[in-house]
Amino acid sequence: MPKKEKQGVVVSNKMDKTAVIQVAEYNKHPKYHKIIETHKKYKAHDAQNECAVGDVVRIVESKPISSDKRWVISEIVEKAN
């Protein structure tokens, strides 16, 4: 089975070798059929501490690194200004 990939924005990078990424998902409401945007935050491993707040990054799932880190930053799609 392939590994899951998600794309989101870095919200915090205050921890050492860890960044918090906020991912937006869009779902249709079952009754009213309106598109609803939901957000979820993931803690991802950033080995070189190269992410800054506002960067758009792609994360890939991995084996558990700590008690709440199960994602690794694979690439920085867009740097923040």
Protein backbone atom coordinates (compact mmCIF):
# COMPACT_ATOMS: atom_id res chain seq x y z
CA MET A 1 0.00 0.00 0.00
CA PRO A 2 1.43 3.44 -0.92
CA LYS A 3 2.22 5.99 1.77
CA LYS A 4 -0.21 8.84 2.29
CA GLU A 5 0.82 12.34 1.25
CA LYS A 6 -0.67 15.63 2.37
CA GLN A 7 0.12 19.27 1.64
CA GLY A 8 -0.24 22.06 4.15
CA VAL A 9 1.14 25.23 5.71
CA VAL A 10 3.69 25.35 8.53
CA VAL A 11 2.02 26.92 11.58
CA SER A 12 4.80 26.48 14.15
CA ASN A 13 8.47 25.51 14.12
CA LYS A 14 9.42 26.27 17.72
CA MET A 15 10.24 22.66 18.59
CA ASP A 16 13.59 21.12 17.72
CA LYS A 17 13.39 19.01 14.51
CA THR A 18 9.58 19.22 14.55
CA ALA A 19 7.12 21.42 12.66
CA VAL A 20 3.36 21.70 13.03
CA ILE A 21 1.58 21.61 9.67
CA GLN A 22 -2.04 22.65 9.17
CA VAL A 23 -3.77 20.70 6.40
CA ALA A 24 -7.10 21.75 4.88
CA GLU A 25 -9.58 19.16 3.64
CA TYR A 26 -12.74 19.83 1.67
CA ASN A 27 -15.86 17.70 2.10
CA LYS A 28 -19.42 17.99 0.86
CA HIS A 29 -22.15 18.25 3.50
CA PRO A 30 -24.36 15.14 3.26
CA LYS A 31 -27.68 17.00 3.39
CA TYR A 32 -27.03 20.52 2.12
CA HIS A 33 -24.27 19.68 -0.43
CA LYS A 34 -22.21 22.69 0.55
CA ILE A 35 -18.43 22.34 0.41
CA ILE A 36 -17.05 22.60 3.95
CA GLU A 37 -13.39 23.28 4.72
CA THR A 38 -11.95 21.51 7.77
CA HIS A 39 -8.46 21.90 9.21
CA LYS A 40 -6.27 19.39 11.00
CA LYS A 41 -2.79 19.85 12.47
CA TYR A 42 -0.02 17.28 12.11
CA LYS A 43 3.38 17.19 13.78
CA ALA A 44 6.04 16.31 11.23
CA HIS A 45 9.75 15.53 11.49
CA ASP A 46 12.02 18.26 10.08
CA ALA A 47 15.55 16.83 10.31
CA GLN A 48 17.49 19.96 9.25
CA ASN A 49 15.16 22.56 10.87
CA GLU A 50 14.79 24.26 7.47
CA CYS A 51 11.04 25.04 7.58
CA ALA A 52 9.79 28.51 8.47
CA VAL A 53 6.32 29.62 9.48
CA GLY A 54 4.18 30.15 6.38
CA ASP A 55 5.99 27.65 4.14
CA VAL A 56 3.86 25.29 2.05
CA VAL A 57 5.20 21.77 2.55
CA ARG A 58 4.39 18.21 1.52
CA ILE A 59 4.38 15.56 4.27
CA VAL A 60 4.54 11.77 3.96
CA GLU A 61 3.47 9.25 6.59
CA SER A 62 6.18 7.16 8.25
CA LYS A 63 6.74 4.86 11.18
CA PRO A 64 6.21 6.48 14.59
CA ILE A 65 9.11 8.79 15.44
CA SER A 66 7.78 9.90 18.84
CA SER A 67 4.51 9.68 20.74
CA ASP A 68 2.73 12.07 18.36
CA LYS A 69 5.00 12.34 15.28
CA ARG A 70 4.02 10.00 12.43
CA TRP A 71 4.81 12.25 9.46
CA VAL A 72 8.02 13.42 7.75
CA ILE A 73 8.44 16.57 5.65
CA SER A 74 9.38 15.37 2.16
CA GLU A 75 9.75 18.71 0.38
CA ILE A 76 9.15 22.43 0.69
CA VAL A 77 6.79 23.37 -2.12
CA GLU A 78 6.82 27.14 -1.58
CA LYS A 79 8.87 29.32 0.77
CA ALA A 80 7.19 32.08 2.77
CA ASN A 81 8.04 35.70 2.03
